[in-house]
Structure formats: structure tokens, C-alpha cells
Amino acid sequence: MIEIDGSYGEGGGQVLRTSLSLAAITGEPIRIAGIRAGRKKPGLAPQHLTAVRAAARICHAQMRGDALGSMMLEFIPGSSVQAATYTFDVSEVQQGGSAGAITLVLQTILLPLSLASGDSLVTLRGGTHVNFSPTITYIEQVYLPILNRMGIDAEVKLGAWGWYPQGRGEIQMRVSGGSQLGGINLLERGDLQQVKGLAVVTELPAHIPQRMANRAENLLREAGLKATVKAVREKGVAPGAGIFLTAEYENSLTGFGGLGRLRLSSEKVAEIACEQLLKFHQTGAPVDEHLADQLLLPAVLASQQSQYRVAEVSSHLTTNAAIIEQFGLVRITVDEAAKIVKIAAS
């Protein structure tokens, strides 16, 4: 059994998700101790527990410690990953529901399902656009298009917006199995092609997304970037607001967002997203800080070597690299001075 220290490095949910994905793919049993030990509320939160149960279901794993707040998990895969139709609902694991991010569940099972034989259709319910996790818009416009270049065929469709604290969003993900993954080489991003954006609200007045869109377009224009931001009012189960910007470069993609909350003006929400995008743009790097660690796992499973240059070497990235290396599949080198990540056969 591979022993994994859940408190290692950054000590968050990424350790858990990466370990679960690799356990499902390799069939290796794992034991994780000290899950999310560094967090204010340590142990398994609703989205983590849903990811654990989703990973277990796709490979018929036996488990010990799969409970809310648990800081220890034993996970023993019982079969190879099975392609099928699945539904996973974050709100089911906690009384009163949860807005836990379904993107974290998606990222746990996507690679195992894409390597399985046969196609899968997955319905996920919970938070679609929540803080401290990738939004479904980021998954759809940045993460999946980059993975598509590496040979993964998957798409997501948003059925209902789910904001914090109610959640109750829904997406459908279609995954084609039998993927043959190729490496990725992203050292230069090339020129900026366009910035496009979506300013959206549910159950709120139409002037709010328009104000977010106007502010974002003006700020980006002042910085010399041409942007088109669409303002839309969608149906939803609860009020919510956000703006999501995607920058397309010749060789690369990135995305940033801002989420509305009480006593935060529409203009301020737009400023948060623009500030992040402009900061990244100035680095000249092709891979943003968040994509940097999300690309590790597909690169590890690819048949060729990969290398990419990142805007920032985060503790998320170095932690994820160390966890992956425990499975003995590849050698990962992170050059902190040049900000280049290399993945090669061990």
C-alpha cells in the first residue's frame, strides 16, 4: 500500500485528488493520513468526500475512512476503471446540502475515465462557480481545450448555475474512453489573439452583468488589450453573479474570474478578474499558476515527454509533483529559476 502524507507541502485537497486518480488508474492501493491537515477545517469536506466516493465507484474500490471530517483514508481499487453513466451529487453527503465545487470531483475522475475502454456520461451536482477552485467556465474554456491537444476527448455542458452558499448547480460531462495521451510542449505562448468574457447573473437585475462587462472592457482597453465581454442574465436556483475572462494566445489559453458577494460592487468584481488577467499577461508565461499543477497529471500519463513554462512555481505545483512521484511513474523536474516544468520517464 502506498503511504501518502496528506499534510505534505501545501497540504490541501490536491494531494487527495491526485492520489485517488492515480490509484484508480494504476490499481495501486493507497493510505492517506493527515488529509488537509493544514486547513482551518481539516479532513474531508463534502466535495472531497464526493470525489472519494466517485473514484471508488468507477473502480469498485473498498474504502476505510470515507466520512465527513475524516483525516485518514484507505482506498483499495477492486477493478480496472469502468466506463458507464454516473451521477455524483455533492449535496447528498451533508445534511442541508453543500456548494462544494463539482469541478474538483470532475478533475478526480476525468483522466481515469478517459483511459478506460468505452465512453462515459457523468452528471455532477453542487457548486459550479465557487471560490478557491476552478470554475466550470475555466474547465470548459481553458482546461479541456488544452487537454484536448494532448489527446483527451471530453466536453462539459452547464445545466444550472450553482453559486456559494446554495450550490445546486448541475453539469453533464461526456468522456470518450481509450485516449492515447501525447506530451505537451508549452515554452512560448505567442501573441495575444483575443480576450473574451462572460458577465453573468442569476436571479438578479440585468444592469449588474452589464456594469461588470463595461468595467472589464474599459480596464482592459486602458491596458492595451482588446476584449469583448458578453453580459447575460440566466435562470438559477438562487441569486449569484460573476465575470469570467479567457485570454487566447497563439499557443496557449488562460482564464480568470471574479465572483460577486454582498457589499461588493459590480465594478469591483470586474476589477478582481481584470487585475489577475493583467498580472498574468505581464509575466509573458504560457501557463498560469493554476493550470501549472493541473497539467501535471495528464503529462505524467502521456507517452512522450512534456515541458512547459509557468507564471509562478506555486506550492500546489511542487506538492502535486512530489505526490505523483510516489507512484514511481515518471521523473518531474521543476526548475524554479527558469520556471520550467519537465516530465520525463523515470
Protein backbone atom coordinates (compact mmCIF):
# COMPACT_ATOMS: atom_id res chain seq x y z
CA MET A 1 0.00 0.00 0.00
CA ILE A 2 1.40 3.41 -0.97
CA GLU A 3 1.53 5.60 2.14
CA ILE A 4 0.76 9.25 1.40
CA ASP A 5 1.18 12.14 3.82
CA GLY A 6 -1.89 14.33 3.31
CA SER A 7 -0.27 17.20 5.22
CA TYR A 8 2.77 17.30 2.91
CA GLY A 9 3.71 20.64 1.31
CA GLU A 10 0.63 22.70 0.56
CA GLY A 11 -1.40 20.02 2.35
CA GLY A 12 -4.74 20.62 0.62
CA GLY A 13 -7.28 18.66 -1.39
CA GLN A 14 -4.99 18.37 -4.43
CA VAL A 15 -2.98 15.67 -2.62
CA LEU A 16 -6.18 13.66 -2.21
CA ARG A 17 -7.44 14.14 -5.77
CA THR A 18 -4.14 13.26 -7.43
CA SER A 19 -3.72 10.17 -5.23
CA LEU A 20 -7.25 8.96 -5.98
CA SER A 21 -6.86 9.45 -9.76
CA LEU A 22 -3.56 7.55 -9.83
CA ALA A 23 -4.85 4.79 -7.55
CA ALA A 24 -7.84 4.26 -9.87
CA ILE A 25 -5.60 4.28 -12.99
CA THR A 26 -2.78 2.08 -11.65
CA GLY A 27 -4.87 -0.18 -9.38
CA GLU A 28 -2.42 0.56 -6.52
CA PRO A 29 -3.97 0.60 -3.02
CA ILE A 30 -3.25 3.78 -1.05
CA ARG A 31 -3.46 5.06 2.51
CA ILE A 32 -3.58 8.82 3.07
CA ALA A 33 -3.05 10.18 6.58
CA GLY A 34 -3.37 13.80 7.74
CA ILE A 35 -5.84 14.76 4.97
CA ARG A 36 -6.00 18.57 4.64
CA ALA A 37 -4.23 18.89 7.98
CA GLY A 38 -3.15 22.45 7.22
CA ARG A 39 -6.68 23.73 6.65
CA LYS A 40 -8.93 25.66 9.05
CA LYS A 41 -11.41 22.78 8.85
CA PRO A 42 -9.18 19.73 8.30
CA GLY A 43 -10.29 16.38 6.88
CA LEU A 44 -12.75 15.55 4.13
CA ALA A 45 -15.20 18.34 3.22
CA PRO A 46 -18.33 17.48 1.13
CA GLN A 47 -16.60 17.99 -2.25
CA HIS A 48 -13.63 15.82 -1.17
CA LEU A 49 -15.86 13.05 0.15
CA THR A 50 -17.86 13.13 -3.11
CA ALA A 51 -14.58 12.85 -5.08
CA VAL A 52 -13.53 9.87 -2.91
CA ARG A 53 -16.84 8.09 -3.50
CA ALA A 54 -16.82 8.91 -7.21
CA ALA A 55 -13.29 7.50 -7.61
CA ALA A 56 -14.32 4.41 -5.62
CA ARG A 57 -17.39 3.85 -7.75
CA ILE A 58 -15.59 3.92 -11.08
CA CYS A 59 -13.08 1.23 -9.97
CA HIS A 60 -15.17 -0.67 -7.35
CA ALA A 61 -12.74 0.31 -4.57
CA GLN A 62 -13.01 -0.76 -0.96
CA MET A 63 -12.58 2.08 1.50
CA ARG A 64 -11.98 2.88 5.12
CA GLY A 65 -12.32 6.41 6.48
CA ASP A 66 -14.77 7.74 3.87
CA ALA A 67 -16.68 10.11 6.15
CA LEU A 68 -17.03 13.88 6.54
CA GLY A 69 -14.14 15.30 8.54
CA SER A 70 -12.08 12.11 8.24
CA MET A 71 -8.32 12.71 8.09
CA MET A 72 -7.41 9.15 7.10
CA LEU A 73 -8.44 7.18 4.04
CA GLU A 74 -7.64 3.70 2.80
CA PHE A 75 -8.57 3.15 -0.83
CA ILE A 76 -8.18 -0.27 -2.48
CA PRO A 77 -9.27 -0.45 -6.15
CA GLY A 78 -11.29 -3.58 -6.91
CA SER A 79 -11.24 -3.49 -10.73
CA SER A 80 -9.99 -1.51 -13.69
CA VAL A 81 -11.86 1.76 -14.29
CA GLN A 82 -15.34 1.13 -15.72
CA ALA A 83 -16.85 3.44 -18.35
CA ALA A 84 -20.56 4.00 -17.63
CA THR A 85 -23.27 6.57 -16.91
CA TYR A 86 -22.73 8.09 -13.46
CA THR A 87 -24.31 10.73 -11.22
CA PHE A 88 -22.49 12.31 -8.28
CA ASP A 89 -24.12 14.93 -6.06
CA VAL A 90 -22.05 16.92 -3.53
CA SER A 91 -25.18 17.94 -1.60
CA GLU A 92 -26.03 14.31 -0.78
CA VAL A 93 -23.12 13.83 1.60
CA GLN A 94 -24.11 16.60 4.02
CA GLN A 95 -27.41 17.44 5.67
CA GLY A 96 -28.73 20.74 4.38
CA GLY A 97 -26.79 20.42 1.10
CA SER A 98 -23.48 21.95 0.04
CA ALA A 99 -21.99 24.28 -2.56
CA GLY A 100 -18.82 22.14 -2.68
CA ALA A 101 -17.08 22.54 -6.04
CA ILE A 102 -18.04 19.84 -8.53
CA THR A 103 -15.03 20.76 -10.68
CA LEU A 104 -12.84 19.07 -8.07
CA VAL A 105 -14.87 15.86 -8.45
CA LEU A 106 -14.63 16.24 -12.24
CA GLN A 107 -10.84 16.52 -12.13
CA THR A 108 -10.55 13.42 -9.96
CA ILE A 109 -12.38 11.10 -12.36
CA LEU A 110 -11.77 12.67 -15.79
CA LEU A 111 -8.37 11.10 -16.54
CA PRO A 112 -9.27 7.61 -15.24
CA LEU A 113 -12.46 7.63 -17.37
CA SER A 114 -10.63 8.92 -20.46
CA LEU A 115 -8.20 5.97 -20.25
CA ALA A 116 -10.96 3.38 -19.65
CA SER A 117 -12.37 1.38 -22.55
CA GLY A 118 -15.75 2.79 -23.52
CA ASP A 119 -17.46 6.17 -23.23
CA SER A 120 -18.90 7.71 -20.08
CA LEU A 121 -21.61 10.24 -19.32
CA VAL A 122 -21.30 11.90 -15.91
CA THR A 123 -23.82 14.19 -14.22
CA LEU A 124 -22.37 16.30 -11.39
CA ARG A 125 -24.39 18.41 -8.98
CA GLY A 126 -23.20 21.05 -6.48
CA GLY A 127 -21.22 24.29 -6.79
CA THR A 128 -20.26 25.22 -10.36
CA HIS A 129 -18.70 28.65 -9.68
CA VAL A 130 -17.25 28.92 -6.17
CA ASN A 131 -14.13 30.48 -4.66
CA PHE A 132 -10.82 28.61 -4.22
CA SER A 133 -11.49 26.12 -7.02
CA PRO A 134 -11.61 26.17 -10.81
CA THR A 135 -15.00 27.26 -12.18
CA ILE A 136 -16.86 25.21 -14.77
CA THR A 137 -16.25 28.10 -17.18
CA TYR A 138 -12.47 27.69 -16.66
CA ILE A 139 -12.77 23.91 -17.16
CA GLU A 140 -14.76 24.42 -20.36
CA GLN A 141 -12.70 27.23 -21.90
CA VAL A 142 -9.14 26.55 -20.69
CA TYR A 143 -8.56 23.15 -19.05
CA LEU A 144 -10.43 20.87 -21.50
CA PRO A 145 -9.20 22.62 -24.70
CA ILE A 146 -5.57 22.22 -23.52
CA LEU A 147 -6.20 18.56 -22.57
CA ASN A 148 -7.83 18.06 -25.96
CA ARG A 149 -4.47 18.93 -27.57
CA MET A 150 -2.95 16.10 -25.52
CA GLY A 151 -5.49 13.57 -26.80
CA ILE A 152 -8.32 13.71 -24.27
CA ASP A 153 -11.80 13.91 -25.77
CA ALA A 154 -14.22 15.32 -23.18
CA GLU A 155 -16.78 18.10 -23.06
CA VAL A 156 -18.95 19.69 -20.37
CA LYS A 157 -22.34 21.28 -20.60
CA LEU A 158 -23.66 23.58 -17.88
CA GLY A 159 -27.26 22.77 -16.95
CA ALA A 160 -27.73 25.02 -13.90
CA TRP A 161 -25.54 27.65 -12.24
CA GLY A 162 -24.52 26.77 -8.68
CA TRP A 163 -23.10 29.58 -6.52
CA TYR A 164 -21.98 29.65 -2.89
CA PRO A 165 -23.67 29.01 -0.45
CA GLN A 166 -26.66 27.22 -2.04
CA GLY A 167 -24.89 25.22 -4.74
CA ARG A 168 -27.49 23.11 -6.57
CA GLY A 169 -25.77 23.63 -9.92
CA GLU A 170 -25.54 20.86 -12.48
CA ILE A 171 -23.27 19.90 -15.34
CA GLN A 172 -23.03 16.98 -17.72
CA MET A 173 -19.66 15.68 -18.83
CA ARG A 174 -19.15 13.37 -21.78
CA VAL A 175 -15.84 11.47 -21.82
CA SER A 176 -14.58 9.34 -24.71
CA GLY A 177 -12.57 6.39 -23.40
CA GLY A 178 -9.47 4.77 -24.84
CA SER A 179 -7.47 8.02 -25.05
CA GLN A 180 -3.81 7.85 -26.09
CA LEU A 181 -2.18 10.81 -24.39
CA GLY A 182 0.61 12.76 -26.05
CA GLY A 183 3.01 15.14 -24.33
CA ILE A 184 2.73 18.91 -24.29
CA ASN A 185 5.37 21.48 -25.13
CA LEU A 186 4.47 24.99 -23.96
CA LEU A 187 7.52 27.19 -23.56
CA GLU A 188 6.33 30.18 -25.62
CA ARG A 189 2.77 31.46 -25.63
CA GLY A 190 2.95 33.65 -28.77
CA ASP A 191 0.94 36.83 -29.31
CA LEU A 192 -2.38 37.54 -27.66
CA GLN A 193 -5.19 36.74 -30.12
CA GLN A 194 -8.22 37.88 -28.12
CA VAL A 195 -9.77 38.25 -24.67
CA LYS A 196 -13.37 37.18 -24.41
CA GLY A 197 -15.53 37.29 -21.35
CA LEU A 198 -18.85 36.42 -19.82
CA ALA A 199 -20.51 38.59 -17.16
CA VAL A 200 -23.42 36.66 -15.72
CA VAL A 201 -26.08 36.86 -13.02
CA THR A 202 -28.90 34.61 -11.92
CA GLU A 203 -31.98 35.95 -10.12
CA LEU A 204 -30.55 39.49 -10.10
CA PRO A 205 -31.25 42.62 -12.21
CA ALA A 206 -29.87 42.84 -15.77
CA HIS A 207 -27.90 46.05 -15.08
CA ILE A 208 -25.43 44.12 -12.88
CA PRO A 209 -23.80 41.98 -15.60
CA GLN A 210 -23.81 44.98 -17.94
CA ARG A 211 -21.88 47.04 -15.36
CA MET A 212 -19.37 44.20 -14.87
CA ALA A 213 -18.92 43.84 -18.65
CA ASN A 214 -18.47 47.60 -19.22
CA ARG A 215 -15.92 47.95 -16.42
CA ALA A 216 -13.89 44.95 -17.61
CA GLU A 217 -13.83 46.11 -21.25
CA ASN A 218 -12.74 49.63 -20.21
CA LEU A 219 -9.98 48.40 -17.86
CA LEU A 220 -8.56 46.00 -20.43
CA ARG A 221 -8.74 48.61 -23.20
CA GLU A 222 -6.81 51.05 -20.98
CA ALA A 223 -4.14 48.36 -20.59
CA GLY A 224 -3.96 47.95 -24.39
CA LEU A 225 -5.89 44.66 -24.56
CA LYS A 226 -8.91 44.32 -26.81
CA ALA A 227 -11.72 42.47 -25.04
CA THR A 228 -15.31 41.53 -25.75
CA VAL A 229 -17.39 40.73 -22.68
CA LYS A 230 -20.93 39.43 -23.08
CA ALA A 231 -23.47 40.34 -20.37
CA VAL A 232 -26.16 37.73 -19.71
CA ARG A 233 -28.91 37.08 -17.20
CA GLU A 234 -29.50 33.35 -16.63
CA LYS A 235 -32.07 31.39 -14.68
CA GLY A 236 -30.83 29.92 -11.42
CA VAL A 237 -31.97 28.46 -8.13
CA ALA A 238 -30.51 31.40 -6.16
CA PRO A 239 -29.00 34.85 -6.74
CA GLY A 240 -25.42 34.89 -7.93
CA ALA A 241 -23.02 36.94 -10.04
CA GLY A 242 -19.64 36.54 -11.66
CA ILE A 243 -17.38 37.54 -14.51
CA PHE A 244 -15.11 35.11 -16.36
CA LEU A 245 -12.35 36.20 -18.75
CA THR A 246 -10.49 33.91 -21.16
CA ALA A 247 -7.33 35.05 -22.93
CA GLU A 248 -6.35 33.21 -26.10
CA TYR A 249 -2.69 33.35 -27.13
CA GLU A 250 -1.16 31.78 -30.26
CA ASN A 251 -0.08 28.65 -28.35
CA SER A 252 -1.87 28.88 -25.04
CA LEU A 253 -5.01 29.71 -23.05
CA THR A 254 -5.70 31.16 -19.64
CA GLY A 255 -8.74 32.24 -17.66
CA PHE A 256 -9.55 34.33 -14.59
CA GLY A 257 -12.73 35.29 -12.80
CA GLY A 258 -14.36 37.35 -10.09
CA LEU A 259 -17.37 36.24 -8.04
CA GLY A 260 -19.99 38.59 -6.63
CA ARG A 261 -20.89 38.75 -2.96
CA LEU A 262 -22.81 41.05 -0.64
CA ARG A 263 -21.47 44.62 -0.42
CA LEU A 264 -19.09 44.10 -3.34
CA SER A 265 -19.91 46.37 -6.29
CA SER A 266 -20.27 45.01 -9.83
CA GLU A 267 -17.33 47.16 -10.86
CA LYS A 268 -15.13 45.72 -8.09
CA VAL A 269 -15.95 42.14 -9.20
CA ALA A 270 -14.81 43.05 -12.74
CA GLU A 271 -11.66 44.69 -11.36
CA ILE A 272 -10.70 41.50 -9.46
CA ALA A 273 -10.84 39.43 -12.67
CA CYS A 274 -9.01 42.04 -14.77
CA GLU A 275 -6.26 42.51 -12.20
CA GLN A 276 -5.47 38.76 -12.23
CA LEU A 277 -5.50 38.61 -16.03
CA LEU A 278 -3.25 41.65 -16.44
CA LYS A 279 -0.81 40.38 -13.83
CA PHE A 280 -0.55 37.07 -15.70
CA HIS A 281 -0.24 38.82 -19.08
CA GLN A 282 2.78 40.77 -17.83
CA THR A 283 4.67 37.56 -16.90
CA GLY A 284 4.95 36.51 -20.55
CA ALA A 285 4.47 32.87 -19.46
CA PRO A 286 2.23 30.47 -21.40
CA VAL A 287 0.84 28.58 -18.38
CA ASP A 288 -0.99 30.22 -15.47
CA GLU A 289 -0.35 29.26 -11.87
CA HIS A 290 -3.47 27.06 -11.60
CA LEU A 291 -3.11 25.24 -14.91
CA ALA A 292 0.55 24.58 -13.97
CA ASP A 293 -0.38 21.95 -11.39
CA GLN A 294 -3.48 20.72 -13.26
CA LEU A 295 -1.33 19.80 -16.29
CA LEU A 296 0.99 17.55 -14.29
CA LEU A 297 -1.27 14.51 -14.19
CA PRO A 298 -2.13 14.35 -17.93
CA ALA A 299 1.55 14.98 -18.73
CA VAL A 300 2.56 12.11 -16.44
CA LEU A 301 0.21 9.72 -18.28
CA ALA A 302 1.41 10.80 -21.76
CA SER A 303 3.62 8.63 -23.95
CA GLN A 304 6.05 11.47 -24.73
CA GLN A 305 7.96 13.88 -22.54
CA SER A 306 6.40 17.23 -21.66
CA GLN A 307 7.77 20.61 -20.70
CA TYR A 308 6.09 23.91 -20.01
CA ARG A 309 6.90 27.34 -18.59
CA VAL A 310 4.76 28.68 -15.77
CA ALA A 311 3.91 32.14 -14.48
CA GLU A 312 4.62 31.06 -10.93
CA VAL A 313 6.01 27.98 -9.20
CA SER A 314 3.34 27.54 -6.52
CA SER A 315 3.35 25.19 -3.53
CA HIS A 316 0.36 23.49 -5.24
CA LEU A 317 2.67 22.60 -8.14
CA THR A 318 5.60 21.31 -6.09
CA THR A 319 3.28 19.37 -3.76
CA ASN A 320 1.48 17.73 -6.66
CA ALA A 321 4.81 16.79 -8.27
CA ALA A 322 6.03 15.14 -5.05
CA ILE A 323 2.79 13.13 -4.63
CA ILE A 324 2.87 11.90 -8.25
CA GLU A 325 6.49 10.76 -7.88
CA GLN A 326 5.45 8.42 -5.05
CA PHE A 327 3.72 6.26 -7.69
CA GLY A 328 7.06 5.80 -9.48
CA LEU A 329 5.71 6.51 -12.98
CA VAL A 330 7.90 9.43 -14.05
CA ARG A 331 10.52 11.92 -13.01
CA ILE A 332 9.30 15.50 -12.60
CA THR A 333 11.78 18.38 -12.57
CA VAL A 334 10.70 21.86 -11.51
CA ASP A 335 13.31 24.49 -12.35
CA GLU A 336 12.31 27.31 -10.00
CA ALA A 337 14.68 29.86 -11.57
CA ALA A 338 13.56 29.34 -15.18
CA LYS A 339 10.03 28.40 -14.06
CA ILE A 340 10.07 25.36 -16.33
CA VAL A 341 8.42 22.04 -15.51
CA LYS A 342 9.76 18.87 -17.21
CA ILE A 343 8.12 15.45 -17.09
CA ALA A 344 10.19 12.51 -18.34
CA ALA A 345 10.18 8.71 -17.98
CA SER A 346 11.79 7.65 -14.69
